[in-house]
Amino acid sequence: MNWDAWHRLSLRRTLLAVLLPGMLAVVGLELWFTWRTAVDAANAAYDRSLLGAIKSIDANISTESGGLAVELPYRMLEFFELTASGAVYYRVATEEGLVEIGNADLPPPLLPLETGRPQFHDAAYFGEPVRVGSYARRLPRPLAGHEEAQRVVIQVAETLRSREQFTRNLVLQALARDLMLVLVAGGLLVLAIGWALRPLARLRQEVGGRSPQDLTPIASAGIPLDVQPLVEAINQHVERTRRLTEARRRFVDDASHQLRTPLATLSTQVGYALREPDPARLHDALRAVKVQLEETVRQTNQMLALARTDSAELVPEPLDLRTLAEQGTRAWWSEAQARRIDLGLDVPEAPVPVQAHAGLLKEALSNLLHNALRYTPAGGQVTVRVAAEGGAARLVVLDNGPGIPAAERARAGERFFRASNASQPGSGLGLAIVRSIAERHGGRFEVEPGPDGQGLSAALVLPLHAA
């Protein structure tokens, strides 16, 4: 069976295609049970009539003459034939069959008869189906030529026309009733499905009527509970798309904001160099162009890194924060030596497990170390510290540079924010990258005064992951 093609049907057709055959199958099963019940009811009713005929014949059995005699109740048998709508047969005989009265070839009972307990069974008599009732009792006195009293067997049989008509009428009535119920239930089912699917049609119209720029969440009011998880998933997808679109828009805005001035400066410097005849001044102009180009390249790289941080797919993995801090610190040792800065590492003995994206965390640590080494004067100290405190993992970079004024620390991590005491050129995106990475991992970025109130302590705080 092609389930994909089946699932491509509308919900209305799918429900009707599943429920209506199911209802018809239930009707068929119910008709079979009705037929069995009707047969049992007919047998119970008509078998009581058979037993009445047997008792009537039994009441007219006499052994006064020394033999077996029966005075048949003809009126009762005629009435029984009328109610049975067919022929009635009877047989009275001793158990060994030496004396028989009536239809001697009636089918015998299927099981041995118990004295005083009637037995009924279906059989065929001359090719015609009949219902046979059999009854046995012991005679009050032995028949002539016998020493002990014998049992007499009384059998009455009737054709099944009346029973079959009774059963047929019950089944036809049940069939008409069930078909009426199926029609009514089918109509109600169509109406109920149409009414239940109205919110989906309204939702389709609402979504289809939106403009391509409309990325607001879909309202879940009036939506069935079974469909709300789908609406929530669509809203999550819309929110991701909105964030991606917003990140792209911010990138374009950032690029136009940050690159316009450097490019204009470069154009001015190149024009000055082209007009400068003095080789010494030309060399100075080219050196200035190189510095400006390096700063522009760095700003461009930071904007690209921030765009990747905002929009890249986050696939966290378990890692030890100590190992990441050690690798990141080693990568900056040569830079620290060139600047004559003491770069140290302080990590605990026990692992500090986190669930994070290793590449993004390395990017955040690289930005923190770059800022710390850039603003710490020669002979200063920068320390990378890893700690597990209060159920959180902390990756901290400490320096004894100028720090950030207390009134401006709350703005640390904003895009293009630079402290008023900044002495080096920059774009103001380094800490913004760190803050974005922290928030994407469900953590936070904290900025505090450094040791003894001097310098800066920039911390990336992440949830501690239980291995």
Protein backbone atom coordinates (compact mmCIF):
# COMPACT_ATOMS: atom_id res chain seq x y z
CA MET A 1 0.00 0.00 0.00
CA ASN A 2 1.29 3.45 -0.96
CA TRP A 3 0.93 5.28 2.35
CA ASP A 4 2.37 8.51 0.90
CA ALA A 5 -0.43 8.69 -1.65
CA TRP A 6 -2.93 7.83 1.07
CA HIS A 7 -1.65 10.62 3.32
CA ARG A 8 -1.85 13.11 0.47
CA LEU A 9 -5.65 12.89 0.62
CA SER A 10 -7.51 15.59 2.48
CA LEU A 11 -8.34 15.02 6.12
CA ARG A 12 -12.05 14.91 5.27
CA ARG A 13 -11.58 12.16 2.66
CA THR A 14 -9.16 10.26 4.87
CA LEU A 15 -11.54 10.25 7.83
CA LEU A 16 -14.51 9.25 5.70
CA ALA A 17 -12.50 6.55 3.90
CA VAL A 18 -11.46 5.07 7.24
CA LEU A 19 -14.57 5.57 9.36
CA LEU A 20 -17.35 4.64 6.90
CA PRO A 21 -15.91 1.19 5.99
CA GLY A 22 -15.29 0.67 9.68
CA MET A 23 -18.91 1.49 10.46
CA LEU A 24 -20.10 -0.88 7.72
CA ALA A 25 -17.86 -3.63 9.11
CA VAL A 26 -19.36 -3.04 12.56
CA VAL A 27 -22.85 -3.22 11.03
CA GLY A 28 -22.00 -6.53 9.36
CA LEU A 29 -20.69 -7.93 12.62
CA GLU A 30 -23.75 -6.65 14.46
CA LEU A 31 -26.04 -8.32 11.88
CA TRP A 32 -24.25 -11.63 12.40
CA PHE A 33 -24.77 -11.34 16.15
CA THR A 34 -28.41 -10.36 15.54
CA TRP A 35 -28.90 -13.42 13.37
CA ARG A 36 -27.39 -15.68 16.02
CA THR A 37 -29.54 -14.04 18.69
CA ALA A 38 -32.66 -14.40 16.54
CA VAL A 39 -31.94 -18.08 15.90
CA ASP A 40 -31.44 -18.69 19.62
CA ALA A 41 -34.61 -16.74 20.47
CA ALA A 42 -36.66 -18.61 17.85
CA ASN A 43 -35.36 -21.96 19.06
CA ALA A 44 -36.10 -21.05 22.67
CA ALA A 45 -39.67 -20.00 21.83
CA TYR A 46 -40.52 -22.77 19.40
CA ASP A 47 -38.76 -25.44 21.46
CA ARG A 48 -41.15 -24.64 24.29
CA SER A 49 -44.02 -25.40 21.87
CA LEU A 50 -42.31 -28.66 20.90
CA LEU A 51 -41.97 -29.54 24.56
CA GLY A 52 -45.65 -28.75 25.07
CA ALA A 53 -46.59 -31.17 22.29
CA ILE A 54 -44.29 -33.81 23.78
CA LYS A 55 -45.89 -33.37 27.23
CA SER A 56 -49.37 -33.56 25.70
CA ILE A 57 -48.54 -36.85 23.95
CA ASP A 58 -46.86 -38.14 27.11
CA ALA A 59 -50.00 -37.42 29.12
CA ASN A 60 -51.99 -39.69 26.74
CA ILE A 61 -49.65 -42.72 26.94
CA SER A 62 -51.25 -45.77 28.62
CA THR A 63 -49.88 -49.19 29.65
CA GLU A 64 -53.11 -50.52 31.23
CA SER A 65 -53.51 -53.16 28.57
CA GLY A 66 -50.00 -54.53 29.16
CA GLY A 67 -48.77 -52.90 25.99
CA LEU A 68 -47.97 -49.35 24.90
CA ALA A 69 -50.98 -47.31 23.81
CA VAL A 70 -51.30 -43.65 22.85
CA GLU A 71 -54.42 -41.59 22.40
CA LEU A 72 -53.20 -38.80 20.13
CA PRO A 73 -54.41 -35.24 20.83
CA TYR A 74 -55.35 -34.48 17.22
CA ARG A 75 -56.69 -31.00 17.85
CA MET A 76 -53.49 -30.07 19.62
CA LEU A 77 -51.41 -31.44 16.74
CA GLU A 78 -53.50 -29.54 14.19
CA PHE A 79 -53.01 -26.32 16.12
CA PHE A 80 -49.28 -27.06 16.38
CA GLU A 81 -49.11 -27.54 12.60
CA LEU A 82 -50.73 -24.14 12.12
CA THR A 83 -48.22 -22.41 14.38
CA ALA A 84 -45.31 -24.28 12.78
CA SER A 85 -46.53 -23.32 9.28
CA GLY A 86 -45.69 -26.82 8.09
CA ALA A 87 -45.84 -30.53 8.78
CA VAL A 88 -45.49 -32.04 12.26
CA TYR A 89 -44.17 -35.53 12.88
CA TYR A 90 -44.18 -37.65 16.02
CA ARG A 91 -42.83 -40.97 17.29
CA VAL A 92 -43.54 -42.89 20.50
CA ALA A 93 -41.45 -45.98 21.15
CA THR A 94 -39.80 -48.03 23.82
CA GLU A 95 -36.11 -47.39 24.21
CA GLU A 96 -35.05 -50.58 22.43
CA GLY A 97 -37.52 -49.82 19.61
CA LEU A 98 -39.58 -53.02 19.89
CA VAL A 99 -42.79 -50.98 20.06
CA GLU A 100 -43.10 -47.86 17.84
CA ILE A 101 -46.05 -45.61 17.15
CA GLY A 102 -46.08 -42.81 14.58
CA ASN A 103 -43.19 -41.91 12.25
CA ALA A 104 -40.74 -44.67 12.97
CA ASP A 105 -37.89 -43.21 10.90
CA LEU A 106 -37.53 -39.87 12.70
CA PRO A 107 -33.84 -39.01 13.27
CA PRO A 108 -32.66 -40.23 16.69
CA PRO A 109 -31.25 -37.82 19.30
CA LEU A 110 -27.63 -36.80 18.87
CA LEU A 111 -26.79 -37.66 22.50
CA PRO A 112 -28.10 -40.31 24.88
CA LEU A 113 -31.31 -39.11 26.51
CA GLU A 114 -31.47 -38.41 30.22
CA THR A 115 -34.68 -39.37 31.96
CA GLY A 116 -37.02 -36.40 32.34
CA ARG A 117 -34.76 -33.96 30.42
CA PRO A 118 -35.77 -32.97 26.88
CA GLN A 119 -33.24 -32.67 24.07
CA PHE A 120 -33.56 -30.60 20.87
CA HIS A 121 -31.52 -30.73 17.68
CA ASP A 122 -31.68 -29.87 13.99
CA ALA A 123 -31.88 -32.70 11.47
CA ALA A 124 -33.21 -33.59 8.02
CA TYR A 125 -36.28 -35.73 7.42
CA PHE A 126 -36.73 -36.91 3.84
CA GLY A 127 -34.50 -34.05 2.66
CA GLU A 128 -36.38 -31.38 4.56
CA PRO A 129 -34.78 -29.58 7.53
CA VAL A 130 -36.67 -30.15 10.77
CA ARG A 131 -36.31 -29.42 14.45
CA VAL A 132 -36.62 -32.54 16.58
CA GLY A 133 -37.51 -32.61 20.27
CA SER A 134 -36.85 -35.84 22.18
CA TYR A 135 -37.93 -36.82 25.67
CA ALA A 136 -37.58 -40.03 27.71
CA ARG A 137 -39.24 -41.22 30.90
CA ARG A 138 -39.58 -44.52 32.66
CA LEU A 139 -42.93 -46.36 32.42
CA PRO A 140 -44.79 -46.95 35.70
CA ARG A 141 -44.99 -50.71 35.09
CA PRO A 142 -43.22 -53.27 32.85
CA LEU A 143 -44.80 -54.09 29.51
CA ALA A 144 -46.03 -57.60 28.88
CA GLY A 145 -43.14 -60.01 28.54
CA HIS A 146 -40.67 -57.80 30.41
CA GLU A 147 -39.56 -58.11 34.00
CA GLU A 148 -38.49 -54.49 34.54
CA ALA A 149 -40.15 -51.21 33.66
CA GLN A 150 -38.77 -49.72 30.45
CA ARG A 151 -38.23 -46.17 29.26
CA VAL A 152 -40.50 -44.68 26.66
CA VAL A 153 -39.08 -42.20 24.11
CA ILE A 154 -41.31 -39.45 22.72
CA GLN A 155 -40.18 -37.41 19.70
CA VAL A 156 -41.95 -34.54 17.96
CA ALA A 157 -40.49 -32.81 14.88
CA GLU A 158 -41.58 -29.74 12.94
CA THR A 159 -40.36 -28.03 9.78
CA LEU A 160 -38.33 -24.80 10.11
CA ARG A 161 -40.42 -22.48 7.92
CA SER A 162 -41.93 -20.55 10.82
CA ARG A 163 -38.59 -20.31 12.65
CA GLU A 164 -36.80 -19.12 9.52
CA GLN A 165 -39.48 -16.51 8.85
CA PHE A 166 -39.21 -15.26 12.42
CA THR A 167 -35.40 -15.06 12.18
CA ARG A 168 -35.55 -13.40 8.75
CA ASN A 169 -37.92 -10.72 9.98
CA LEU A 170 -35.69 -9.90 12.96
CA VAL A 171 -32.57 -9.68 10.78
CA LEU A 172 -34.30 -7.48 8.19
CA GLN A 173 -35.53 -5.16 10.90
CA ALA A 174 -32.02 -4.96 12.37
CA LEU A 175 -30.58 -4.32 8.89
CA ALA A 176 -33.02 -1.48 8.22
CA ARG A 177 -32.28 0.00 11.64
CA ASP A 178 -28.51 -0.27 11.17
CA LEU A 179 -28.58 1.22 7.68
CA MET A 180 -30.59 4.14 9.01
CA LEU A 181 -28.04 4.59 11.79
CA VAL A 182 -25.16 4.46 9.27
CA LEU A 183 -26.82 7.12 7.12
CA VAL A 184 -27.51 9.36 10.09
CA ALA A 185 -24.03 8.78 11.56
CA GLY A 186 -22.41 9.39 8.16
CA GLY A 187 -24.27 12.67 7.75
CA LEU A 188 -23.35 13.77 11.27
CA LEU A 189 -19.75 12.69 10.62
CA VAL A 190 -19.55 14.83 7.46
CA LEU A 191 -21.00 17.82 9.30
CA ALA A 192 -18.70 17.30 12.31
CA ILE A 193 -15.59 16.95 10.14
CA GLY A 194 -16.51 20.07 8.17
CA TRP A 195 -17.11 22.01 11.37
CA ALA A 196 -13.89 20.72 12.97
CA LEU A 197 -11.83 21.66 9.89
CA ARG A 198 -13.14 25.22 9.69
CA PRO A 199 -10.31 26.56 11.93
CA LEU A 200 -7.78 24.96 9.57
CA ALA A 201 -9.39 26.62 6.56
CA ARG A 202 -9.34 29.93 8.42
CA LEU A 203 -5.67 29.34 9.32
CA ARG A 204 -4.84 28.61 5.66
CA GLN A 205 -6.55 31.79 4.54
CA GLU A 206 -4.75 33.81 7.19
CA VAL A 207 -1.32 32.44 6.27
CA GLY A 208 -1.99 32.64 2.52
CA GLY A 209 -3.07 36.25 2.80
CA ARG A 210 0.11 37.41 4.52
CA SER A 211 2.73 39.49 2.79
CA PRO A 212 6.22 37.97 2.36
CA GLN A 213 7.59 40.45 4.90
CA ASP A 214 5.06 39.53 7.59
CA LEU A 215 6.92 37.25 10.05
CA THR A 216 4.69 37.75 13.07
CA PRO A 217 3.64 34.57 14.95
CA ILE A 218 0.41 32.85 13.98
CA ALA A 219 -2.31 33.37 16.58
CA SER A 220 -3.29 30.07 18.20
CA ALA A 221 -6.66 31.29 19.49
CA GLY A 222 -9.50 29.10 18.19
CA ILE A 223 -7.12 26.43 16.91
CA PRO A 224 -7.91 22.81 17.96
CA LEU A 225 -5.58 21.33 20.55
CA ASP A 226 -4.42 18.65 18.10
CA VAL A 227 -3.24 21.32 15.64
CA GLN A 228 -1.66 23.68 18.16
CA PRO A 229 1.69 21.76 18.21
CA LEU A 230 1.88 22.28 14.43
CA VAL A 231 1.13 26.00 14.84
CA GLU A 232 3.78 26.24 17.56
CA ALA A 233 6.33 24.50 15.30
CA ILE A 234 5.46 26.90 12.45
CA ASN A 235 5.84 29.83 14.83
CA GLN A 236 9.23 28.54 15.92
CA HIS A 237 10.28 28.27 12.28
CA VAL A 238 8.95 31.77 11.60
CA GLU A 239 10.86 33.07 14.61
CA ARG A 240 14.09 31.46 13.36
CA THR A 241 13.49 32.98 9.93
CA ARG A 242 12.80 36.35 11.52
CA ARG A 243 16.02 36.17 13.50
CA LEU A 244 17.97 35.17 10.41
CA THR A 245 16.43 38.01 8.42
CA GLU A 246 17.12 40.42 11.26
CA ALA A 247 20.72 39.22 11.48
CA ARG A 248 21.19 39.78 7.75
CA ARG A 249 19.63 43.23 8.00
CA ARG A 250 21.87 44.10 10.94
CA PHE A 251 24.89 42.87 9.01
CA VAL A 252 24.03 45.07 6.05
CA ASP A 253 23.44 48.02 8.38
CA ASP A 254 26.66 47.32 10.28
CA ALA A 255 28.65 46.98 7.07
CA SER A 256 27.31 50.21 5.64
CA HIS A 257 27.88 51.96 8.99
CA GLN A 258 31.36 50.64 9.71
CA LEU A 259 32.94 50.37 6.28
CA ARG A 260 31.85 53.67 4.81
CA THR A 261 34.25 55.77 6.92
CA PRO A 262 37.32 53.47 6.59
CA LEU A 263 36.83 53.19 2.84
CA ALA A 264 36.49 56.95 2.51
CA THR A 265 39.63 57.38 4.61
CA LEU A 266 41.49 54.86 2.43
CA SER A 267 40.39 56.67 -0.72
CA THR A 268 41.66 59.96 0.71
CA GLN A 269 44.97 58.43 1.77
CA VAL A 270 45.53 56.78 -1.60
CA GLY A 271 44.74 60.06 -3.38
CA TYR A 272 47.23 61.87 -1.15
CA ALA A 273 49.89 59.23 -1.85
CA LEU A 274 49.37 59.55 -5.59
CA ARG A 275 49.92 63.32 -5.38
CA GLU A 276 52.96 63.14 -3.04
CA PRO A 277 56.32 63.56 -4.91
CA ASP A 278 58.49 63.18 -1.80
CA PRO A 279 59.49 59.48 -1.42
CA ALA A 280 59.72 59.77 2.38
CA ARG A 281 56.23 61.24 2.71
CA LEU A 282 54.95 58.70 0.16
CA HIS A 283 56.33 55.92 2.36
CA ASP A 284 54.57 57.39 5.41
CA ALA A 285 51.33 57.66 3.44
CA LEU A 286 51.55 54.03 2.33
CA ARG A 287 52.28 52.97 5.92
CA ALA A 288 49.11 54.82 7.01
CA VAL A 289 47.18 53.10 4.21
CA LYS A 290 48.46 49.71 5.44
CA VAL A 291 47.39 50.44 9.02
CA GLN A 292 43.96 51.56 7.84
CA LEU A 293 43.62 48.44 5.65
CA GLU A 294 44.53 46.16 8.57
CA GLU A 295 41.96 47.86 10.77
CA THR A 296 39.33 47.63 8.02
CA VAL A 297 40.09 43.93 7.50
CA ARG A 298 39.75 43.33 11.23
CA GLN A 299 36.44 45.20 11.36
CA THR A 300 35.17 43.22 8.38
CA ASN A 301 36.24 39.93 10.00
CA GLN A 302 34.53 40.89 13.24
CA MET A 303 31.30 41.78 11.46
CA LEU A 304 31.41 38.44 9.61
CA ALA A 305 32.09 36.64 12.89
CA LEU A 306 29.16 38.42 14.55
CA ALA A 307 26.89 37.53 11.61
CA ARG A 308 27.95 33.87 11.85
CA THR A 309 27.39 33.92 15.60
CA ASP A 310 23.87 35.25 15.20
CA SER A 311 22.77 32.94 12.39
CA ALA A 312 24.95 29.81 12.43
CA GLU A 313 23.26 26.54 13.35
CA LEU A 314 24.09 25.66 16.94
CA VAL A 315 24.96 21.97 17.40
CA PRO A 316 26.30 21.69 20.96
CA GLU A 317 28.55 18.85 22.05
CA PRO A 318 29.99 17.83 25.42
CA LEU A 319 33.42 19.30 26.07
CA ASP A 320 35.76 20.14 28.93
CA LEU A 321 36.10 23.90 29.36
CA ARG A 322 39.63 23.44 30.77
CA THR A 323 40.88 21.90 27.51
CA LEU A 324 39.31 24.64 25.40
CA ALA A 325 40.81 27.36 27.63
CA GLU A 326 44.28 25.78 27.46
CA GLN A 327 44.19 25.50 23.65
CA GLY A 328 42.93 29.08 23.27
CA THR A 329 45.55 30.48 25.66
CA ARG A 330 48.42 28.67 23.93
CA ALA A 331 47.37 30.20 20.61
CA TRP A 332 47.92 33.73 22.06
CA TRP A 333 51.20 33.16 23.94
CA SER A 334 53.37 34.41 21.06
CA GLU A 335 51.27 37.58 20.80
CA ALA A 336 51.57 38.13 24.55
CA GLN A 337 55.35 37.67 24.45
CA ALA A 338 55.62 40.15 21.57
CA ARG A 339 53.74 42.71 23.68
CA ARG A 340 55.78 41.79 26.82
CA ILE A 341 52.63 40.75 28.73
CA ASP A 342 52.49 37.87 31.24
CA LEU A 343 49.73 35.55 29.93
CA GLY A 344 48.72 32.88 32.48
CA LEU A 345 46.24 30.02 32.80
CA ASP A 346 44.37 29.05 35.98
CA VAL A 347 42.21 25.92 35.72
CA PRO A 348 40.94 23.47 38.38
CA GLU A 349 42.03 19.84 38.62
CA ALA A 350 38.52 18.45 38.07
CA PRO A 351 36.91 18.66 34.62
CA VAL A 352 34.43 21.48 33.95
CA PRO A 353 31.95 19.90 31.51
CA VAL A 354 29.70 22.06 29.32
CA GLN A 355 27.41 21.40 26.38
CA ALA A 356 28.48 23.92 23.76
CA HIS A 357 29.72 24.62 20.25
CA ALA A 358 33.52 24.43 20.45
CA GLY A 359 34.15 26.75 17.50
CA LEU A 360 31.96 29.52 18.91
CA LEU A 361 33.53 29.27 22.37
CA LYS A 362 37.01 29.52 20.82
CA GLU A 363 35.85 32.61 18.93
CA ALA A 364 34.57 34.18 22.18
CA LEU A 365 37.83 33.42 24.06
CA SER A 366 39.86 34.78 21.13
CA ASN A 367 37.98 38.09 21.24
CA LEU A 368 38.38 38.39 25.02
CA LEU A 369 42.13 37.71 24.81
CA HIS A 370 42.55 40.11 21.90
CA ASN A 371 40.89 42.93 23.84
CA ALA A 372 42.82 42.14 27.04
CA LEU A 373 46.24 42.00 25.31
CA ARG A 374 45.49 45.10 23.26
CA TYR A 375 44.59 47.34 26.20
CA THR A 376 46.99 45.93 28.82
CA PRO A 377 50.23 47.92 28.89
CA ALA A 378 53.64 46.27 28.48
CA GLY A 379 54.69 44.49 31.68
CA GLY A 380 51.06 43.85 32.61
CA GLN A 381 49.30 40.56 33.33
CA VAL A 382 46.45 38.71 31.65
CA THR A 383 45.01 35.52 33.17
CA VAL A 384 42.56 33.01 31.73
CA ARG A 385 40.63 31.35 34.54
CA VAL A 386 38.18 28.44 34.45
CA ALA A 387 35.92 27.63 37.42
CA ALA A 388 32.72 25.78 38.30
CA GLU A 389 30.63 27.82 40.72
CA GLY A 390 27.00 27.43 41.77
CA GLY A 391 26.03 25.04 38.98
CA ALA A 392 27.60 27.24 36.30
CA ALA A 393 30.85 27.09 34.37
CA ARG A 394 32.84 30.33 34.16
CA LEU A 395 35.44 31.22 31.53
CA VAL A 396 37.06 34.45 32.75
CA VAL A 397 39.76 36.69 31.24
CA LEU A 398 41.38 39.02 33.82
CA ASP A 399 43.71 41.91 33.01
CA ASN A 400 45.20 44.89 34.80
CA GLY A 401 44.65 47.37 31.98
CA PRO A 402 42.57 50.55 32.13
CA GLY A 403 39.27 48.65 32.38
CA ILE A 404 35.87 50.21 31.67
CA PRO A 405 34.42 53.09 33.71
CA ALA A 406 31.79 51.92 36.19
CA ALA A 407 29.07 54.03 34.60
CA GLU A 408 29.65 52.35 31.23
CA ARG A 409 30.02 48.68 32.23
CA ALA A 410 26.31 47.95 31.75
CA ARG A 411 26.72 48.77 28.05
CA ALA A 412 29.61 46.38 27.54
CA GLY A 413 28.59 43.90 24.84
CA GLU A 414 26.45 46.35 22.86
CA ARG A 415 27.22 46.60 19.16
CA PHE A 416 29.73 49.35 18.32
CA PHE A 417 30.00 50.47 21.93
CA ARG A 418 33.47 51.68 22.92
CA ALA A 419 34.42 52.91 26.36
CA SER A 420 35.21 56.57 26.78
CA ASN A 421 38.75 55.71 27.95
CA ALA A 422 39.53 53.49 24.91
CA SER A 423 43.03 54.29 23.69
CA GLN A 424 43.16 51.94 20.70
CA PRO A 425 41.19 52.05 17.44
CA GLY A 426 38.47 49.47 17.12
CA SER A 427 34.95 48.67 15.95
CA GLY A 428 33.27 47.90 19.26
CA LEU A 429 32.22 44.42 18.08
CA GLY A 430 34.55 42.14 20.07
CA LEU A 431 32.51 42.06 23.28
CA ALA A 432 29.28 42.02 21.27
CA ILE A 433 30.44 38.74 19.70
CA VAL A 434 31.16 37.29 23.15
CA ARG A 435 27.77 38.37 24.47
CA SER A 436 25.94 36.88 21.46
CA ILE A 437 27.77 33.55 21.86
CA ALA A 438 26.95 33.43 25.58
CA GLU A 439 23.26 34.10 25.00
CA ARG A 440 23.00 31.51 22.22
CA HIS A 441 24.30 28.90 24.69
CA GLY A 442 21.76 29.88 27.33
CA GLY A 443 24.39 31.72 29.37
CA ARG A 444 25.36 35.33 30.01
CA PHE A 445 28.25 37.74 29.66
CA GLU A 446 29.47 39.55 32.81
CA VAL A 447 31.88 42.48 33.09
CA GLU A 448 33.33 43.44 36.47
CA PRO A 449 36.41 45.24 37.83
CA GLY A 450 39.61 43.21 37.77
CA PRO A 451 41.65 42.04 40.81
CA ASP A 452 41.96 44.70 43.52
CA GLY A 453 39.55 46.91 41.56
CA GLN A 454 42.01 47.40 38.71
CA GLY A 455 41.67 46.32 35.11
CA LEU A 456 38.76 44.24 33.85
CA SER A 457 37.21 40.85 34.48
CA ALA A 458 35.22 39.63 31.46
CA ALA A 459 33.39 36.34 32.15
CA LEU A 460 31.52 33.96 29.87
CA VAL A 461 29.04 32.09 32.14
CA LEU A 462 27.54 28.84 30.80
CA PRO A 463 25.28 26.16 32.30
CA LEU A 464 27.29 23.33 33.85
CA HIS A 465 26.63 20.07 32.06
CA ALA A 466 26.28 16.91 34.14
CA ALA A 467 28.13 14.16 32.28
